[in-house]
């Protein structure tokens, strides 16, 4: 089945990528951590940096797996384009949510409006089904319980 999907994607002119963008981020974090360890002045500081790096790597892996699962549930497959779009949508929403929080205007109703407006903007010109768009909105709106804490 994998070969069929790969063949189909090649015919459509698309190519599946699993984590090219996020892999680059992980590599950059690893390099930064390594440099921090190399230039850390004390042994204790080096241990703290290593422990922090391990914790970041665990969280990154968990978040990465969650993102891939969400994308697969929404779009049916994980592609680099879907991954980038999903991350950009979340980033835009989080920036607007942060602004609303700072103004003291963040309510569930405002959050849902932010989600709807951002998703509407990002879906213009995309060949997404109504079902994919609704799944995306629902997926993002599920974050309300975490955001409202």
N, C-alpha and C. Protein backbone atom coordinates (compact mmCIF):
# COMPACT_ATOMS: atom_id res chain seq x y z
N UNK A 1 0.82 -1.20 0.00
CA UNK A 1 0.00 0.00 0.00
C UNK A 1 0.86 1.26 0.00
N UNK A 2 1.96 1.21 0.70
CA UNK A 2 2.85 2.36 0.71
C UNK A 2 3.35 2.66 -0.69
N UNK A 3 3.71 1.62 -1.44
CA UNK A 3 4.19 1.84 -2.80
C UNK A 3 3.12 2.49 -3.66
N UNK A 4 1.86 2.08 -3.49
CA UNK A 4 0.77 2.68 -4.25
C UNK A 4 0.68 4.17 -3.94
N UNK A 5 0.71 4.53 -2.65
CA UNK A 5 0.63 5.95 -2.28
C UNK A 5 1.84 6.72 -2.81
N UNK A 6 3.01 6.11 -2.77
CA UNK A 6 4.19 6.79 -3.28
C UNK A 6 4.06 6.99 -4.78
N UNK A 7 3.61 5.94 -5.49
CA UNK A 7 3.43 6.05 -6.94
C UNK A 7 2.39 7.11 -7.27
N UNK A 8 1.29 7.11 -6.52
CA UNK A 8 0.23 8.08 -6.74
C UNK A 8 0.75 9.50 -6.52
N UNK A 9 1.53 9.70 -5.45
CA UNK A 9 2.07 11.02 -5.17
C UNK A 9 3.07 11.44 -6.23
N UNK A 10 3.84 10.52 -6.75
CA UNK A 10 4.80 10.85 -7.79
C UNK A 10 4.06 11.27 -9.06
N UNK A 11 2.96 10.58 -9.38
CA UNK A 11 2.18 10.94 -10.57
C UNK A 11 1.55 12.31 -10.42
N UNK A 12 1.12 12.64 -9.20
CA UNK A 12 0.50 13.93 -8.95
C UNK A 12 1.52 15.05 -8.83
N UNK A 13 2.78 14.71 -8.89
CA UNK A 13 3.81 15.73 -8.77
C UNK A 13 4.09 16.13 -7.35
N UNK A 14 3.61 15.36 -6.40
CA UNK A 14 3.86 15.67 -5.00
C UNK A 14 4.75 14.61 -4.41
N UNK A 15 5.36 14.95 -3.34
CA UNK A 15 6.24 14.01 -2.68
C UNK A 15 5.99 14.11 -1.19
N UNK A 16 5.82 12.98 -0.56
CA UNK A 16 5.59 12.99 0.88
C UNK A 16 6.89 13.26 1.61
N UNK A 17 6.82 14.11 2.60
CA UNK A 17 7.96 14.36 3.47
C UNK A 17 7.48 14.19 4.89
N UNK A 18 8.25 13.54 5.68
CA UNK A 18 7.88 13.34 7.07
C UNK A 18 8.83 14.09 7.97
N UNK A 19 8.53 15.34 8.21
CA UNK A 19 9.24 16.09 9.21
C UNK A 19 10.45 16.85 8.76
N UNK A 20 10.58 17.20 7.50
CA UNK A 20 11.73 17.94 7.04
C UNK A 20 11.90 19.26 7.79
N UNK A 21 10.82 19.99 7.95
CA UNK A 21 10.87 21.28 8.62
C UNK A 21 11.18 21.12 10.10
N UNK A 22 10.45 20.24 10.75
CA UNK A 22 10.66 20.05 12.18
C UNK A 22 11.97 19.36 12.47
N UNK A 23 12.44 18.52 11.57
CA UNK A 23 13.73 17.88 11.76
C UNK A 23 14.83 18.93 11.78
N UNK A 24 14.73 19.92 10.92
CA UNK A 24 15.70 21.01 10.91
C UNK A 24 15.71 21.75 12.23
N UNK A 25 14.53 21.97 12.80
CA UNK A 25 14.43 22.62 14.11
C UNK A 25 15.09 21.77 15.18
N UNK A 26 14.87 20.48 15.15
CA UNK A 26 15.46 19.58 16.13
C UNK A 26 16.98 19.57 16.02
N UNK A 27 17.49 19.57 14.80
CA UNK A 27 18.94 19.58 14.59
C UNK A 27 19.52 20.89 15.12
N UNK A 28 18.86 22.00 14.85
CA UNK A 28 19.34 23.30 15.34
C UNK A 28 19.37 23.32 16.86
N UNK A 29 18.33 22.75 17.50
CA UNK A 29 18.31 22.69 18.96
C UNK A 29 19.45 21.83 19.47
N UNK A 30 19.70 20.72 18.82
CA UNK A 30 20.77 19.82 19.25
C UNK A 30 22.13 20.50 19.12
N UNK A 31 22.34 21.23 18.03
CA UNK A 31 23.60 21.94 17.85
C UNK A 31 23.77 23.01 18.92
N UNK A 32 22.71 23.75 19.17
CA UNK A 32 22.75 24.78 20.21
C UNK A 32 23.06 24.20 21.58
N UNK A 33 22.45 23.10 21.89
CA UNK A 33 22.69 22.44 23.16
C UNK A 33 24.13 21.95 23.25
N UNK A 34 24.63 21.37 22.18
CA UNK A 34 26.01 20.89 22.16
C UNK A 34 26.98 22.03 22.38
N UNK A 35 26.76 23.15 21.71
CA UNK A 35 27.64 24.31 21.90
C UNK A 35 27.54 24.83 23.33
N UNK A 36 26.33 24.81 23.89
CA UNK A 36 26.16 25.23 25.27
C UNK A 36 26.94 24.36 26.23
N UNK A 37 26.92 23.06 26.00
CA UNK A 37 27.66 22.12 26.85
C UNK A 37 29.16 22.35 26.70
N UNK A 38 29.62 22.54 25.47
CA UNK A 38 31.05 22.72 25.24
C UNK A 38 31.59 23.99 25.91
N UNK A 39 30.80 25.03 25.91
CA UNK A 39 31.28 26.30 26.44
C UNK A 39 30.76 26.61 27.83
N UNK A 40 30.07 25.69 28.46
CA UNK A 40 29.57 25.91 29.82
C UNK A 40 30.74 26.01 30.79
N UNK A 41 30.70 26.99 31.68
CA UNK A 41 31.83 27.21 32.57
C UNK A 41 31.98 26.16 33.68
N UNK A 42 30.92 25.59 34.18
CA UNK A 42 31.00 24.66 35.29
C UNK A 42 30.46 23.30 34.89
N UNK A 43 30.89 22.31 35.65
CA UNK A 43 30.41 20.97 35.41
C UNK A 43 28.90 20.89 35.68
N UNK A 44 28.44 21.56 36.76
CA UNK A 44 27.01 21.56 37.10
C UNK A 44 26.19 22.19 35.98
N UNK A 45 26.72 23.26 35.41
CA UNK A 45 26.01 23.95 34.32
C UNK A 45 25.89 23.02 33.12
N UNK A 46 26.95 22.30 32.83
CA UNK A 46 26.93 21.36 31.71
C UNK A 46 25.85 20.30 31.94
N UNK A 47 25.76 19.78 33.17
CA UNK A 47 24.76 18.76 33.49
C UNK A 47 23.35 19.32 33.32
N UNK A 48 23.15 20.55 33.79
CA UNK A 48 21.83 21.19 33.65
C UNK A 48 21.46 21.34 32.18
N UNK A 49 22.42 21.75 31.37
CA UNK A 49 22.16 21.94 29.94
C UNK A 49 21.82 20.60 29.29
N UNK A 50 22.57 19.56 29.63
CA UNK A 50 22.30 18.23 29.07
C UNK A 50 20.92 17.75 29.49
N UNK A 51 20.59 17.92 30.79
CA UNK A 51 19.28 17.50 31.27
C UNK A 51 18.16 18.27 30.58
N UNK A 52 18.36 19.57 30.41
CA UNK A 52 17.36 20.40 29.73
C UNK A 52 17.20 19.96 28.28
N UNK A 53 18.32 19.68 27.63
CA UNK A 53 18.27 19.23 26.23
C UNK A 53 17.50 17.92 26.11
N UNK A 54 17.73 17.01 27.04
CA UNK A 54 17.02 15.73 27.01
C UNK A 54 15.52 15.95 27.19
N UNK A 55 15.17 16.86 28.09
CA UNK A 55 13.75 17.15 28.33
C UNK A 55 13.11 17.78 27.09
N UNK A 56 13.83 18.72 26.47
CA UNK A 56 13.32 19.35 25.24
C UNK A 56 13.14 18.31 24.15
N UNK A 57 14.08 17.40 24.02
CA UNK A 57 13.99 16.36 22.99
C UNK A 57 12.77 15.47 23.23
N UNK A 58 12.50 15.13 24.48
CA UNK A 58 11.32 14.31 24.81
C UNK A 58 10.04 15.05 24.44
N UNK A 59 9.97 16.33 24.84
CA UNK A 59 8.77 17.13 24.53
C UNK A 59 8.61 17.30 23.03
N UNK A 60 9.73 17.55 22.35
CA UNK A 60 9.69 17.72 20.90
C UNK A 60 9.15 16.47 20.24
N UNK A 61 9.65 15.31 20.63
CA UNK A 61 9.20 14.03 20.06
C UNK A 61 7.72 13.85 20.31
N UNK A 62 7.27 14.12 21.56
CA UNK A 62 5.86 13.97 21.90
C UNK A 62 5.01 14.93 21.07
N UNK A 63 5.40 16.20 21.03
CA UNK A 63 4.65 17.19 20.26
C UNK A 63 4.67 16.86 18.77
N UNK A 64 5.80 16.43 18.29
CA UNK A 64 5.93 16.05 16.87
C UNK A 64 4.99 14.91 16.54
N UNK A 65 4.96 13.90 17.40
CA UNK A 65 4.06 12.77 17.18
C UNK A 65 2.60 13.20 17.21
N UNK A 66 2.27 14.10 18.15
CA UNK A 66 0.89 14.62 18.23
C UNK A 66 0.53 15.40 16.97
N UNK A 67 1.46 16.22 16.51
CA UNK A 67 1.20 17.01 15.30
C UNK A 67 0.97 16.09 14.11
N UNK A 68 1.83 15.09 13.95
CA UNK A 68 1.68 14.15 12.84
C UNK A 68 0.33 13.43 12.92
N UNK A 69 -0.04 13.01 14.12
CA UNK A 69 -1.32 12.31 14.30
C UNK A 69 -2.49 13.23 13.96
N UNK A 70 -2.42 14.50 14.42
CA UNK A 70 -3.48 15.45 14.11
C UNK A 70 -3.59 15.70 12.61
N UNK A 71 -2.46 15.86 11.97
CA UNK A 71 -2.46 16.11 10.52
C UNK A 71 -3.05 14.91 9.78
N UNK A 72 -2.67 13.72 10.20
CA UNK A 72 -3.20 12.52 9.55
C UNK A 72 -4.71 12.42 9.76
N UNK A 73 -5.19 12.75 10.96
CA UNK A 73 -6.63 12.71 11.24
C UNK A 73 -7.39 13.74 10.42
N UNK A 74 -6.76 14.89 10.17
CA UNK A 74 -7.43 15.97 9.44
C UNK A 74 -7.35 15.76 7.93
N UNK A 75 -6.14 15.50 7.43
CA UNK A 75 -5.90 15.48 5.99
C UNK A 75 -5.78 14.09 5.39
N UNK A 76 -5.69 13.07 6.23
CA UNK A 76 -5.60 11.70 5.73
C UNK A 76 -4.18 11.23 5.49
N UNK A 77 -3.23 12.16 5.39
CA UNK A 77 -1.83 11.79 5.23
C UNK A 77 -0.97 12.94 5.74
N UNK A 78 0.26 12.63 6.07
CA UNK A 78 1.20 13.64 6.53
C UNK A 78 2.11 14.01 5.36
N UNK A 79 2.03 15.27 4.96
CA UNK A 79 2.92 15.76 3.90
C UNK A 79 3.60 17.02 4.43
N UNK A 80 4.67 17.40 3.79
CA UNK A 80 5.39 18.61 4.24
C UNK A 80 4.49 19.84 4.15
N UNK A 81 3.70 19.94 3.08
CA UNK A 81 2.81 21.08 2.91
C UNK A 81 1.75 21.12 4.01
N UNK A 82 1.14 19.96 4.30
CA UNK A 82 0.12 19.91 5.36
C UNK A 82 0.74 20.26 6.71
N UNK A 83 1.94 19.78 6.95
CA UNK A 83 2.62 20.05 8.21
C UNK A 83 2.94 21.54 8.36
N UNK A 84 3.47 22.14 7.31
CA UNK A 84 3.79 23.57 7.35
C UNK A 84 2.53 24.40 7.57
N UNK A 85 1.49 24.07 6.83
CA UNK A 85 0.24 24.82 6.94
C UNK A 85 -0.35 24.68 8.34
N UNK A 86 -0.37 23.47 8.86
CA UNK A 86 -0.90 23.22 10.20
C UNK A 86 -0.14 24.04 11.24
N UNK A 87 1.18 24.06 11.14
CA UNK A 87 2.01 24.79 12.10
C UNK A 87 1.82 26.30 11.94
N UNK A 88 1.73 26.77 10.70
CA UNK A 88 1.50 28.21 10.47
C UNK A 88 0.14 28.65 11.00
N UNK A 89 -0.88 27.83 10.79
CA UNK A 89 -2.21 28.15 11.31
C UNK A 89 -2.17 28.25 12.84
N UNK A 90 -1.55 27.26 13.46
CA UNK A 90 -1.46 27.29 14.93
C UNK A 90 -0.66 28.50 15.42
N UNK A 91 0.42 28.81 14.73
CA UNK A 91 1.23 29.97 15.12
C UNK A 91 0.46 31.27 15.03
N UNK A 92 -0.26 31.44 13.94
CA UNK A 92 -1.08 32.65 13.75
C UNK A 92 -2.15 32.75 14.83
N UNK A 93 -2.81 31.64 15.11
CA UNK A 93 -3.86 31.63 16.13
C UNK A 93 -3.27 31.96 17.50
N UNK A 94 -2.13 31.36 17.83
CA UNK A 94 -1.53 31.59 19.15
C UNK A 94 -1.09 33.04 19.30
N UNK A 95 -0.61 33.67 18.23
CA UNK A 95 -0.22 35.08 18.29
C UNK A 95 -1.45 35.96 18.56
N UNK A 96 -2.55 35.67 17.87
CA UNK A 96 -3.77 36.45 18.08
C UNK A 96 -4.38 36.19 19.46
N UNK A 97 -4.29 34.96 19.93
CA UNK A 97 -4.77 34.62 21.27
C UNK A 97 -3.96 35.37 22.32
N UNK A 98 -2.64 35.41 22.13
CA UNK A 98 -1.77 36.12 23.06
C UNK A 98 -2.13 37.60 23.12
N UNK A 99 -2.37 38.21 21.96
CA UNK A 99 -2.77 39.62 21.93
C UNK A 99 -4.10 39.83 22.68
N UNK A 100 -5.06 38.94 22.44
CA UNK A 100 -6.36 39.05 23.11
C UNK A 100 -6.21 38.87 24.62
N UNK A 101 -5.34 37.96 25.05
CA UNK A 101 -5.10 37.76 26.48
C UNK A 101 -4.51 39.02 27.10
N UNK A 102 -3.55 39.62 26.43
CA UNK A 102 -2.91 40.84 26.94
C UNK A 102 -3.91 41.97 27.09
N UNK A 103 -4.90 42.02 26.20
CA UNK A 103 -5.93 43.06 26.26
C UNK A 103 -7.04 42.68 27.24
N UNK A 104 -7.00 41.47 27.76
CA UNK A 104 -8.05 41.00 28.67
C UNK A 104 -9.35 40.69 27.95
N UNK A 105 -9.25 40.36 26.67
CA UNK A 105 -10.45 40.14 25.85
C UNK A 105 -10.61 38.69 25.39
N UNK A 106 -9.87 37.79 26.00
CA UNK A 106 -9.95 36.41 25.53
C UNK A 106 -11.08 35.67 26.22
N UNK A 107 -12.08 35.34 25.43
CA UNK A 107 -13.19 34.51 25.88
C UNK A 107 -13.28 33.33 24.92
N UNK A 108 -14.06 32.35 25.29
CA UNK A 108 -14.23 31.20 24.39
C UNK A 108 -14.81 31.67 23.06
N UNK A 109 -15.76 32.59 23.12
CA UNK A 109 -16.36 33.10 21.89
C UNK A 109 -15.33 33.81 21.01
N UNK A 110 -14.48 34.66 21.62
CA UNK A 110 -13.43 35.34 20.86
C UNK A 110 -12.41 34.34 20.31
N UNK A 111 -12.08 33.33 21.10
CA UNK A 111 -11.15 32.30 20.66
C UNK A 111 -11.71 31.60 19.41
N UNK A 112 -12.98 31.22 19.46
CA UNK A 112 -13.60 30.54 18.32
C UNK A 112 -13.62 31.44 17.08
N UNK A 113 -13.85 32.75 17.27
CA UNK A 113 -13.83 33.69 16.15
C UNK A 113 -12.42 33.77 15.55
N UNK A 114 -11.41 33.82 16.43
CA UNK A 114 -10.03 33.86 15.96
C UNK A 114 -9.74 32.61 15.12
N UNK A 115 -10.11 31.45 15.64
CA UNK A 115 -9.88 30.18 14.92
C UNK A 115 -10.58 30.21 13.57
N UNK A 116 -11.85 30.57 13.56
CA UNK A 116 -12.61 30.60 12.30
C UNK A 116 -11.98 31.55 11.28
N UNK A 117 -11.59 32.76 11.72
CA UNK A 117 -11.02 33.74 10.81
C UNK A 117 -9.67 33.28 10.24
N UNK A 118 -8.83 32.74 11.09
CA UNK A 118 -7.51 32.29 10.62
C UNK A 118 -7.67 31.11 9.67
N UNK A 119 -8.50 30.15 10.03
CA UNK A 119 -8.71 28.99 9.16
C UNK A 119 -9.31 29.43 7.82
N UNK A 120 -10.26 30.36 7.87
CA UNK A 120 -10.83 30.89 6.61
C UNK A 120 -9.75 31.48 5.72
N UNK A 121 -8.85 32.27 6.30
CA UNK A 121 -7.78 32.89 5.52
C UNK A 121 -6.85 31.85 4.92
N UNK A 122 -6.47 30.85 5.71
CA UNK A 122 -5.52 29.85 5.24
C UNK A 122 -6.14 28.87 4.25
N UNK A 123 -7.45 28.71 4.27
CA UNK A 123 -8.07 27.73 3.37
C UNK A 123 -8.42 28.32 2.00
N UNK A 124 -8.32 29.62 1.86
CA UNK A 124 -8.58 30.24 0.56
C UNK A 124 -7.57 29.69 -0.45
N UNK A 125 -8.08 29.21 -1.54
CA UNK A 125 -7.22 28.69 -2.60
C UNK A 125 -6.73 27.27 -2.36
N UNK A 126 -7.05 26.69 -1.22
CA UNK A 126 -6.65 25.31 -0.95
C UNK A 126 -7.76 24.38 -1.44
N UNK A 127 -7.38 23.20 -1.81
CA UNK A 127 -8.36 22.21 -2.26
C UNK A 127 -8.70 21.28 -1.10
N UNK A 128 -9.19 21.88 -0.02
CA UNK A 128 -9.56 21.10 1.15
C UNK A 128 -11.06 20.87 1.13
N UNK A 129 -11.45 19.72 1.64
CA UNK A 129 -12.88 19.42 1.72
C UNK A 129 -13.47 20.12 2.95
N UNK A 130 -14.77 20.24 2.94
CA UNK A 130 -15.48 20.80 4.09
C UNK A 130 -15.18 19.98 5.34
N UNK A 131 -15.09 18.68 5.16
CA UNK A 131 -14.80 17.78 6.29
C UNK A 131 -13.41 18.06 6.86
N UNK A 132 -12.40 18.26 6.02
CA UNK A 132 -11.06 18.57 6.49
C UNK A 132 -11.04 19.89 7.25
N UNK A 133 -11.72 20.88 6.72
CA UNK A 133 -11.77 22.19 7.37
C UNK A 133 -12.45 22.08 8.72
N UNK A 134 -13.56 21.37 8.79
CA UNK A 134 -14.26 21.20 10.07
C UNK A 134 -13.42 20.43 11.08
N UNK A 135 -12.70 19.42 10.61
CA UNK A 135 -11.81 18.67 11.51
C UNK A 135 -10.69 19.56 12.04
N UNK A 136 -10.16 20.40 11.18
CA UNK A 136 -9.10 21.32 11.58
C UNK A 136 -9.62 22.28 12.65
N UNK A 137 -10.77 22.88 12.40
CA UNK A 137 -11.36 23.81 13.36
C UNK A 137 -11.62 23.11 14.68
N UNK A 138 -12.21 21.93 14.63
CA UNK A 138 -12.50 21.18 15.85
C UNK A 138 -11.21 20.86 16.61
N UNK A 139 -10.19 20.43 15.88
CA UNK A 139 -8.90 20.10 16.49
C UNK A 139 -8.32 21.30 17.24
N UNK A 140 -8.37 22.45 16.63
CA UNK A 140 -7.82 23.66 17.25
C UNK A 140 -8.68 24.11 18.41
N UNK A 141 -9.99 24.08 18.24
CA UNK A 141 -10.88 24.51 19.31
C UNK A 141 -10.78 23.62 20.54
N UNK A 142 -10.32 22.39 20.37
CA UNK A 142 -10.10 21.50 21.51
C UNK A 142 -9.02 22.04 22.44
N UNK A 143 -8.17 22.93 21.95
CA UNK A 143 -7.09 23.50 22.75
C UNK A 143 -7.59 24.55 23.74
N UNK A 144 -8.86 24.93 23.66
CA UNK A 144 -9.40 25.96 24.53
C UNK A 144 -9.17 25.64 26.01
N UNK A 145 -9.36 24.40 26.41
CA UNK A 145 -9.21 24.05 27.82
C UNK A 145 -7.79 24.32 28.32
N UNK A 146 -6.79 24.12 27.47
CA UNK A 146 -5.40 24.41 27.84
C UNK A 146 -5.14 25.92 27.84
N UNK A 147 -5.67 26.60 26.86
CA UNK A 147 -5.42 28.04 26.71
C UNK A 147 -6.10 28.82 27.81
N UNK A 148 -7.27 28.40 28.23
CA UNK A 148 -8.04 29.17 29.21
C UNK A 148 -7.56 29.00 30.64
N UNK A 149 -6.56 28.17 30.86
CA UNK A 149 -6.05 27.96 32.23
C UNK A 149 -5.30 29.16 32.73
